[in-house]
PDB file of N, CA and C in Angstrom:
ATOM      1  N   MET A   1      35.080 -25.063-105.341  1.00  0.00           N
ATOM      2  CA  MET A   1      33.766 -25.685-105.267  1.00  0.00           C
ATOM      3  C   MET A   1      33.310 -26.009-106.697  1.00  0.00           C
ATOM      4  N   SER A   2      32.888 -27.241-106.929  1.00  0.00           N
ATOM      5  CA  SER A   2      32.450 -27.654-108.263  1.00  0.00           C
ATOM      6  C   SER A   2      31.055 -27.105-108.562  1.00  0.00           C
ATOM      7  N   LEU A   3      30.702 -27.086-109.834  1.00  0.00           N
ATOM      8  CA  LEU A   3      29.356 -26.639-110.225  1.00  0.00           C
ATOM      9  C   LEU A   3      28.287 -27.495-109.578  1.00  0.00           C
ATOM     10  N   ARG A   4      28.537 -28.798-109.487  1.00  0.00           N
ATOM     11  CA  ARG A   4      27.580 -29.707-108.865  1.00  0.00           C
ATOM     12  C   ARG A   4      27.370 -29.341-107.394  1.00  0.00           C
ATOM     13  N   SER A   5      28.454 -29.024-106.694  1.00  0.00           N
ATOM     14  CA  SER A   5      28.363 -28.615-105.293  1.00  0.00           C
ATOM     15  C   SER A   5      27.647 -27.274-105.149  1.00  0.00           C
ATOM     16  N   GLN A   6      27.953 -26.363-106.055  1.00  0.00           N
ATOM     17  CA  GLN A   6      27.307 -25.049-106.024  1.00  0.00           C
ATOM     18  C   GLN A   6      25.802 -25.190-106.234  1.00  0.00           C
ATOM     19  N   LEU A   7      25.418 -26.023-107.205  1.00  0.00           N
ATOM     20  CA  LEU A   7      24.002 -26.243-107.466  1.00  0.00           C
ATOM     21  C   LEU A   7      23.325 -26.853-106.244  1.00  0.00           C
ATOM     22  N   SER A   8      23.951 -27.850-105.656  1.00  0.00           N
ATOM     23  CA  SER A   8      23.402 -28.501-104.474  1.00  0.00           C
ATOM     24  C   SER A   8      23.215 -27.500-103.336  1.00  0.00           C
ATOM     25  N   TYR A   9      24.253 -26.726-103.057  1.00  0.00           N
ATOM     26  CA  TYR A   9      24.197 -25.736-101.978  1.00  0.00           C
ATOM     27  C   TYR A   9      23.120 -24.688-102.238  1.00  0.00           C
ATOM     28  N   ASN A  10      23.123 -24.129-103.440  1.00  0.00           N
ATOM     29  CA  ASN A  10      22.175 -23.053-103.765  1.00  0.00           C
ATOM     30  C   ASN A  10      20.736 -23.541-103.778  1.00  0.00           C
ATOM     31  N   LEU A  11      20.507 -24.729-104.322  1.00  0.00           N
ATOM     32  CA  LEU A  11      19.151 -25.266-104.352  1.00  0.00           C
ATOM     33  C   LEU A  11      18.642 -25.489-102.929  1.00  0.00           C
ATOM     34  N   ALA A  12      19.462 -26.085-102.076  1.00  0.00           N
ATOM     35  CA  ALA A  12      19.057 -26.323-100.685  1.00  0.00           C
ATOM     36  C   ALA A  12      18.783 -25.001 -99.971  1.00  0.00           C
ATOM     37  N   ARG A  13      19.643 -24.015-100.193  1.00  0.00           N
ATOM     38  CA  ARG A  13      19.471 -22.707 -99.544  1.00  0.00           C
ATOM     39  C   ARG A  13      18.182 -22.026 -99.986  1.00  0.00           C
ATOM     40  N   ILE A  14      17.904 -22.049-101.279  1.00  0.00           N
ATOM     41  CA  ILE A  14      16.700 -21.394-101.794  1.00  0.00           C
ATOM     42  C   ILE A  14      15.445 -22.114-101.315  1.00  0.00           C
ATOM     43  N   LEU A  15      15.473 -23.448-101.318  1.00  0.00           N
ATOM     44  CA  LEU A  15      14.322 -24.202-100.804  1.00  0.00           C
ATOM     45  C   LEU A  15      14.062 -23.850 -99.341  1.00  0.00           C
ATOM     46  N   ARG A  16      15.135 -23.759 -98.559  1.00  0.00           N
ATOM     47  CA  ARG A  16      15.003 -23.423 -97.135  1.00  0.00           C
ATOM     48  C   ARG A  16      14.490 -21.984 -96.956  1.00  0.00           C
ATOM     49  N   GLU A  17      15.070 -21.039 -97.697  1.00  0.00           N
ATOM     50  CA  GLU A  17      14.676 -19.634 -97.585  1.00  0.00           C
ATOM     51  C   GLU A  17      13.224 -19.408 -97.970  1.00  0.00           C
ATOM     52  N   LYS A  18      12.775 -20.141 -98.987  1.00  0.00           N
ATOM     53  CA  LYS A  18      11.405 -19.961 -99.470  1.00  0.00           C
ATOM     54  C   LYS A  18      10.435 -20.942 -98.837  1.00  0.00           C
ATOM     55  N   ASN A  19      10.961 -21.795 -97.952  1.00  0.00           N
ATOM     56  CA  ASN A  19      10.139 -22.780 -97.245  1.00  0.00           C
ATOM     57  C   ASN A  19       9.351 -23.665 -98.228  1.00  0.00           C
ATOM     58  N   ILE A  20      10.082 -24.218 -99.189  1.00  0.00           N
ATOM     59  CA  ILE A  20       9.484 -25.067-100.229  1.00  0.00           C
ATOM     60  C   ILE A  20      10.028 -26.481-100.067  1.00  0.00           C
ATOM     61  N   SER A  21       9.155 -27.466-100.115  1.00  0.00           N
ATOM     62  CA  SER A  21       9.582 -28.857 -99.992  1.00  0.00           C
ATOM     63  C   SER A  21      10.063 -29.394-101.342  1.00  0.00           C
ATOM     64  N   GLN A  22      10.803 -30.488-101.285  1.00  0.00           N
ATOM     65  CA  GLN A  22      11.241 -31.148-102.515  1.00  0.00           C
ATOM     66  C   GLN A  22      10.037 -31.617-103.322  1.00  0.00           C
ATOM     67  N   ALA A  23       9.024 -32.121-102.633  1.00  0.00           N
ATOM     68  CA  ALA A  23       7.824 -32.612-103.321  1.00  0.00           C
ATOM     69  C   ALA A  23       7.109 -31.479-104.047  1.00  0.00           C
ATOM     70  N   ALA A  24       6.995 -30.328-103.395  1.00  0.00           N
ATOM     71  CA  ALA A  24       6.325 -29.186-104.031  1.00  0.00           C
ATOM     72  C   ALA A  24       7.118 -28.713-105.238  1.00  0.00           C
ATOM     73  N   LEU A  25       8.439 -28.638-105.101  1.00  0.00           N
ATOM     74  CA  LEU A  25       9.278 -28.233-106.225  1.00  0.00           C
ATOM     75  C   LEU A  25       9.145 -29.234-107.366  1.00  0.00           C
ATOM     76  N   SER A  26       9.105 -30.507-107.041  1.00  0.00           N
ATOM     77  CA  SER A  26       8.960 -31.550-108.044  1.00  0.00           C
ATOM     78  C   SER A  26       7.694 -31.355-108.874  1.00  0.00           C
ATOM     79  N   ARG A  27       6.585 -31.064-108.177  1.00  0.00           N
ATOM     80  CA  ARG A  27       5.304 -30.857-108.879  1.00  0.00           C
ATOM     81  C   ARG A  27       5.345 -29.628-109.776  1.00  0.00           C
ATOM     82  N   VAL A  28       5.812 -28.518-109.240  1.00  0.00           N
ATOM     83  CA  VAL A  28       5.783 -27.261-110.000  1.00  0.00           C
ATOM     84  C   VAL A  28       6.773 -27.278-111.158  1.00  0.00           C
ATOM     85  N   ALA A  29       7.960 -27.842-110.939  1.00  0.00           N
ATOM     86  CA  ALA A  29       8.995 -27.856-111.980  1.00  0.00           C
ATOM     87  C   ALA A  29       8.852 -29.020-112.945  1.00  0.00           C
ATOM     88  N   ASP A  30       7.997 -29.994-112.605  1.00  0.00           N
ATOM     89  CA  ASP A  30       7.842 -31.206-113.410  1.00  0.00           C
ATOM     90  C   ASP A  30       9.184 -31.938-113.546  1.00  0.00           C
ATOM     91  N   VAL A  31       9.844 -32.101-112.381  1.00  0.00           N
ATOM     92  CA  VAL A  31      11.116 -32.813-112.293  1.00  0.00           C
ATOM     93  C   VAL A  31      10.929 -33.902-111.240  1.00  0.00           C
ATOM     94  N   ASP A  32      11.415 -35.098-111.520  1.00  0.00           N
ATOM     95  CA  ASP A  32      11.265 -36.219-110.600  1.00  0.00           C
ATOM     96  C   ASP A  32      11.829 -35.873-109.226  1.00  0.00           C
ATOM     97  N   ARG A  33      11.071 -36.201-108.181  1.00  0.00           N
ATOM     98  CA  ARG A  33      11.486 -35.882-106.825  1.00  0.00           C
ATOM     99  C   ARG A  33      12.790 -36.585-106.460  1.00  0.00           C
ATOM    100  N   GLY A  34      12.965 -37.797-106.946  1.00  0.00           N
ATOM    101  CA  GLY A  34      14.211 -38.527-106.696  1.00  0.00           C
ATOM    102  C   GLY A  34      15.421 -37.806-107.268  1.00  0.00           C
ATOM    103  N   LEU A  35      15.251 -37.211-108.445  1.00  0.00           N
ATOM    104  CA  LEU A  35      16.337 -36.457-109.057  1.00  0.00           C
ATOM    105  C   LEU A  35      16.660 -35.226-108.220  1.00  0.00           C
ATOM    106  N   ILE A  36      15.639 -34.561-107.708  1.00  0.00           N
ATOM    107  CA  ILE A  36      15.875 -33.388-106.857  1.00  0.00           C
ATOM    108  C   ILE A  36      16.675 -33.798-105.622  1.00  0.00           C
ATOM    109  N   GLY A  37      16.311 -34.926-105.029  1.00  0.00           N
ATOM    110  CA  GLY A  37      17.064 -35.432-103.879  1.00  0.00           C
ATOM    111  C   GLY A  37      18.521 -35.704-104.217  1.00  0.00           C
ATOM    112  N   LYS A  38      18.753 -36.284-105.379  1.00  0.00           N
ATOM    113  CA  LYS A  38      20.129 -36.570-105.807  1.00  0.00           C
ATOM    114  C   LYS A  38      20.904 -35.291-106.093  1.00  0.00           C
ATOM    115  N   ILE A  39      20.229 -34.283-106.641  1.00  0.00           N
ATOM    116  CA  ILE A  39      20.887 -32.998-106.875  1.00  0.00           C
ATOM    117  C   ILE A  39      21.290 -32.390-105.531  1.00  0.00           C
ATOM    118  N   LEU A  40      20.394 -32.486-104.553  1.00  0.00           N
ATOM    119  CA  LEU A  40      20.669 -31.908-103.233  1.00  0.00           C
ATOM    120  C   LEU A  40      21.823 -32.604-102.521  1.00  0.00           C
ATOM    121  N   THR A  41      22.031 -33.886-102.792  1.00  0.00           N
ATOM    122  CA  THR A  41      23.154 -34.603-102.171  1.00  0.00           C
ATOM    123  C   THR A  41      24.419 -34.508-103.013  1.00  0.00           C
ATOM    124  N   GLY A  42      24.310 -33.934-104.204  1.00  0.00           N
ATOM    125  CA  GLY A  42      25.468 -33.791-105.078  1.00  0.00           C
ATOM    126  C   GLY A  42      25.796 -35.047-105.856  1.00  0.00           C
ATOM    127  N   SER A  43      24.873 -36.017-105.881  1.00  0.00           N
ATOM    128  CA  SER A  43      25.149 -37.265-106.592  1.00  0.00           C
ATOM    129  C   SER A  43      24.580 -37.302-108.005  1.00  0.00           C
ATOM    130  N   ALA A  44      23.888 -36.234-108.415  1.00  0.00           N
ATOM    131  CA  ALA A  44      23.348 -36.172-109.777  1.00  0.00           C
ATOM    132  C   ALA A  44      23.984 -35.002-110.514  1.00  0.00           C
ATOM    133  N   ASN A  45      24.077 -35.159-111.798  1.00  0.00           N
ATOM    134  CA  ASN A  45      24.607 -34.105-112.655  1.00  0.00           C
ATOM    135  C   ASN A  45      23.508 -33.750-113.661  1.00  0.00           C
ATOM    136  N   PRO A  46      22.553 -32.876-113.280  1.00  0.00           N
ATOM    137  CA  PRO A  46      21.411 -32.597-114.145  1.00  0.00           C
ATOM    138  C   PRO A  46      21.798 -31.798-115.385  1.00  0.00           C
ATOM    139  N   GLY A  47      20.991 -31.969-116.420  1.00  0.00           N
ATOM    140  CA  GLY A  47      21.204 -31.213-117.644  1.00  0.00           C
ATOM    141  C   GLY A  47      20.722 -29.777-117.506  1.00  0.00           C
ATOM    142  N   LEU A  48      21.060 -28.972-118.481  1.00  0.00           N
ATOM    143  CA  LEU A  48      20.672 -27.559-118.447  1.00  0.00           C
ATOM    144  C   LEU A  48      19.161 -27.378-118.455  1.00  0.00           C
ATOM    145  N   GLU A  49      18.452 -28.241-119.169  1.00  0.00           N
ATOM    146  CA  GLU A  49      16.990 -28.141-119.212  1.00  0.00           C
ATOM    147  C   GLU A  49      16.403 -28.315-117.813  1.00  0.00           C
ATOM    148  N   THR A  50      16.942 -29.254-117.055  1.00  0.00           N
ATOM    149  CA  THR A  50      16.465 -29.483-115.685  1.00  0.00           C
ATOM    150  C   THR A  50      16.781 -28.288-114.800  1.00  0.00           C
ATOM    151  N   VAL A  51      17.990 -27.756-114.922  1.00  0.00           N
ATOM    152  CA  VAL A  51      18.374 -26.572-114.136  1.00  0.00           C
ATOM    153  C   VAL A  51      17.444 -25.406-114.467  1.00  0.00           C
ATOM    154  N   GLU A  52      17.128 -25.222-115.728  1.00  0.00           N
ATOM    155  CA  GLU A  52      16.218 -24.145-116.137  1.00  0.00           C
ATOM    156  C   GLU A  52      14.821 -24.358-115.566  1.00  0.00           C
ATOM    157  N   LYS A  53      14.326 -25.589-115.577  1.00  0.00           N
ATOM    158  CA  LYS A  53      13.004 -25.880-115.008  1.00  0.00           C
ATOM    159  C   LYS A  53      12.972 -25.556-113.519  1.00  0.00           C
ATOM    160  N   LEU A  54      14.014 -25.961-112.801  1.00  0.00           N
ATOM    161  CA  LEU A  54      14.083 -25.696-111.366  1.00  0.00           C
ATOM    162  C   LEU A  54      14.134 -24.194-111.091  1.00  0.00           C
ATOM    163  N   ALA A  55      14.964 -23.502-111.854  1.00  0.00           N
ATOM    164  CA  ALA A  55      15.106 -22.053-111.670  1.00  0.00           C
ATOM    165  C   ALA A  55      13.784 -21.344-111.934  1.00  0.00           C
ATOM    166  N   GLN A  56      13.120 -21.699-113.013  1.00  0.00           N
ATOM    167  CA  GLN A  56      11.859 -21.062-113.357  1.00  0.00           C
ATOM    168  C   GLN A  56      10.810 -21.325-112.275  1.00  0.00           C
ATOM    169  N   ALA A  57      10.733 -22.540-111.792  1.00  0.00           N
ATOM    170  CA  ALA A  57       9.761 -22.879-110.752  1.00  0.00           C
ATOM    171  C   ALA A  57      10.032 -22.112-109.461  1.00  0.00           C
ATOM    172  N   LEU A  58      11.305 -21.881-109.175  1.00  0.00           N
ATOM    173  CA  LEU A  58      11.685 -21.177-107.947  1.00  0.00           C
ATOM    174  C   LEU A  58      11.658 -19.658-108.096  1.00  0.00           C
ATOM    175  N   GLY A  59      11.506 -19.183-109.328  1.00  0.00           N
ATOM    176  CA  GLY A  59      11.473 -17.739-109.562  1.00  0.00           C
ATOM    177  C   GLY A  59      12.840 -17.094-109.465  1.00  0.00           C
ATOM    178  N   VAL A  60      13.883 -17.856-109.818  1.00  0.00           N
ATOM    179  CA  VAL A  60      15.247 -17.329-109.819  1.00  0.00           C
ATOM    180  C   VAL A  60      15.874 -17.628-111.174  1.00  0.00           C
ATOM    181  N   SER A  61      17.028 -17.044-111.431  1.00  0.00           N
ATOM    182  CA  SER A  61      17.726 -17.336-112.678  1.00  0.00           C
ATOM    183  C   SER A  61      18.538 -18.618-112.528  1.00  0.00           C
ATOM    184  N   ALA A  62      18.804 -19.263-113.649  1.00  0.00           N
ATOM    185  CA  ALA A  62      19.661 -20.449-113.625  1.00  0.00           C
ATOM    186  C   ALA A  62      21.037 -20.057-113.103  1.00  0.00           C
ATOM    187  N   ASN A  63      21.463 -18.844-113.397  1.00  0.00           N
ATOM    188  CA  ASN A  63      22.745 -18.349-112.911  1.00  0.00           C
ATOM    189  C   ASN A  63      22.784 -18.347-111.387  1.00  0.00           C
ATOM    190  N   LYS A  64      21.670 -18.002-110.758  1.00  0.00           N
ATOM    191  CA  LYS A  64      21.610 -17.975-109.295  1.00  0.00           C
ATOM    192  C   LYS A  64      21.783 -19.383-108.715  1.00  0.00           C
ATOM    193  N   LEU A  65      21.277 -20.390-109.417  1.00  0.00           N
ATOM    194  CA  LEU A  65      21.442 -21.769-108.952  1.00  0.00           C
ATOM    195  C   LEU A  65      22.877 -22.264-109.111  1.00  0.00           C
ATOM    196  N   LEU A  66      23.591 -21.733-110.094  1.00  0.00           N
ATOM    197  CA  LEU A  66      24.930 -22.232-110.396  1.00  0.00           C
ATOM    198  C   LEU A  66      26.054 -21.342-109.880  1.00  0.00           C
ATOM    199  N   SER A  67      25.722 -20.181-109.328  1.00  0.00           N
ATOM    200  CA  SER A  67      26.748 -19.237-108.896  1.00  0.00           C
ATOM    201  C   SER A  67      27.326 -19.616-107.538  1.00  0.00           C
ATOM    202  N   LEU A  68      28.445 -18.994-107.207  1.00  0.00           N
ATOM    203  CA  LEU A  68      29.035 -19.198-105.894  1.00  0.00           C
ATOM    204  C   LEU A  68      28.063 -18.730-104.823  1.00  0.00           C
ATOM    205  N   PRO A  69      28.048 -19.392-103.672  1.00  0.00           N
ATOM    206  CA  PRO A  69      27.134 -18.989-102.595  1.00  0.00           C
ATOM    207  C   PRO A  69      27.384 -17.549-102.173  1.00  0.00           C
ATOM    208  N   PRO A  70      26.306 -16.825-101.882  1.00  0.00           N
ATOM    209  CA  PRO A  70      26.470 -15.433-101.457  1.00  0.00           C
ATOM    210  C   PRO A  70      27.021 -15.363-100.039  1.00  0.00           C
ATOM    211  N   ILE A  71      27.616 -14.238 -99.735  1.00  0.00           N
ATOM    212  CA  ILE A  71      28.075 -14.004 -98.375  1.00  0.00           C
ATOM    213  C   ILE A  71      26.875 -13.533 -97.584  1.00  0.00           C
ATOM    214  N   ARG A  72      26.560 -14.231 -96.524  1.00  0.00           N
ATOM    215  CA  ARG A  72      25.371 -13.922 -95.710  1.00  0.00           C
ATOM    216  C   ARG A  72      25.684 -12.755 -94.786  1.00  0.00           C
ATOM    217  N   ARG A  73      24.846 -11.742 -94.856  1.00  0.00           N
ATOM    218  CA  ARG A  73      24.996 -10.582 -93.982  1.00  0.00           C
ATOM    219  C   ARG A  73      23.963 -10.647 -92.868  1.00  0.00           C
ATOM    220  N   PRO A  74      24.374 -10.354 -91.646  1.00  0.00           N
ATOM    221  CA  PRO A  74      23.405 -10.349 -90.547  1.00  0.00           C
ATOM    222  C   PRO A  74      22.261  -9.381 -90.839  1.00  0.00           C
ATOM    223  N   GLY A  75      21.056  -9.796 -90.547  1.00  0.00           N
ATOM    224  CA  GLY A  75      19.895  -8.940 -90.743  1.00  0.00           C
ATOM    225  C   GLY A  75      19.402  -8.868 -92.172  1.00  0.00           C
ATOM    226  N   ALA A  76      19.933  -9.717 -93.050  1.00  0.00           N
ATOM    227  CA  ALA A  76      19.496  -9.698 -94.448  1.00  0.00           C
ATOM    228  C   ALA A  76      18.038 -10.138 -94.539  1.00  0.00           C
ATOM    229  N   ALA A  77      17.316  -9.538 -95.455  1.00  0.00           N
ATOM    230  CA  ALA A  77      15.890  -9.854 -95.626  1.00  0.00           C
ATOM    231  C   ALA A  77      15.718 -11.252 -96.194  1.00  0.00           C
ATOM    232  N   ARG A  78      14.658 -11.922 -95.766  1.00  0.00           N
ATOM    233  CA  ARG A  78      14.325 -13.243 -96.300  1.00  0.00           C
ATOM    234  C   ARG A  78      13.614 -13.096 -97.633  1.00  0.00           C
ATOM    235  N   ILE A  79      13.700 -14.131 -98.437  1.00  0.00           N
ATOM    236  CA  ILE A  79      13.034 -14.155 -99.734  1.00  0.00           C
ATOM    237  C   ILE A  79      11.626 -14.710 -99.532  1.00  0.00           C
ATOM    238  N   SER A  80      10.639 -14.072-100.146  1.00  0.00           N
ATOM    239  CA  SER A  80       9.266 -14.541 -99.969  1.00  0.00           C
ATOM    240  C   SER A  80       8.969 -15.737-100.866  1.00  0.00           C
ATOM    241  N   ARG A  81       8.004 -16.522-100.469  1.00  0.00           N
ATOM    242  CA  ARG A  81       7.605 -17.739-101.165  1.00  0.00           C
ATOM    243  C   ARG A  81       6.752 -17.378-102.381  1.00  0.00           C
ATOM    244  N   PRO A  82       7.102 -17.882-103.581  1.00  0.00           N
ATOM    245  CA  PRO A  82       6.274 -17.621-104.769  1.00  0.00           C
ATOM    246  C   PRO A  82       4.869 -18.186-104.587  1.00  0.00           C
ATOM    247  N   LYS A  83       3.891 -17.515-105.170  1.00  0.00           N
ATOM    248  CA  LYS A  83       2.493 -17.904-104.938  1.00  0.00           C
ATOM    249  C   LYS A  83       2.164 -19.293-105.453  1.00  0.00           C
ATOM    250  N   GLN A  84       2.879 -19.831-106.455  1.00  0.00           N
ATOM    251  CA  GLN A  84       2.550 -21.165-106.957  1.00  0.00           C
ATOM    252  C   GLN A  84       2.860 -22.243-105.928  1.00  0.00           C
ATOM    253  N   PHE A  85       3.644 -21.911-104.879  1.00  0.00           N
ATOM    254  CA  PHE A  85       3.960 -22.883-103.836  1.00  0.00           C
ATOM    255  C   PHE A  85       3.076 -22.736-102.605  1.00  0.00           C
ATOM    256  N   THR A  86       2.224 -21.745-102.575  1.00  0.00           N
ATOM    257  CA  THR A  86       1.357 -21.579-101.415  1.00  0.00           C
ATOM    258  C   THR A  86       0.164 -22.513-101.533  1.00  0.00           C
ATOM    259  N   ARG A  87      -0.270 -22.998-100.408  1.00  0.00           N
ATOM    260  CA  ARG A  87      -1.415 -23.904-100.413  1.00  0.00           C
ATOM    261  C   ARG A  87      -2.692 -23.138-100.723  1.00  0.00           C
ATOM    262  N   GLN A  88      -3.471 -23.727-101.577  1.00  0.00           N
ATOM    263  CA  GLN A  88      -4.755 -23.114-101.915  1.00  0.00           C
ATOM    264  C   GLN A  88      -5.824 -23.734-101.056  1.00  0.00           C
ATOM    265  N   LYS A  89      -6.690 -22.892-100.521  1.00  0.00           N
ATOM    266  CA  LYS A  89      -7.743 -23.379 -99.631  1.00  0.00           C
ATOM    267  C   LYS A  89      -9.019 -23.637-100.374  1.00  0.00           C
TER     268      LYS A  89
END
């Protein structure tokens, strides 16, 4: 699996686990939404600065975005949504 594929897989998984939209991530990370879409499809090769911005916004390490996908265990706990992504009333 290439780094680009790993990033795409991990980013999609984390967004799904934390219930965060591409638009919300775009706002918090200050990364163009179109670029996030391209990263998710594996058609973009983002720089390290972009990977760091995404990781920081998601509350994970850049290593977590670039590492091999984890082995999913049945009954594993879900990751909670960071407060910067929750809607303010």
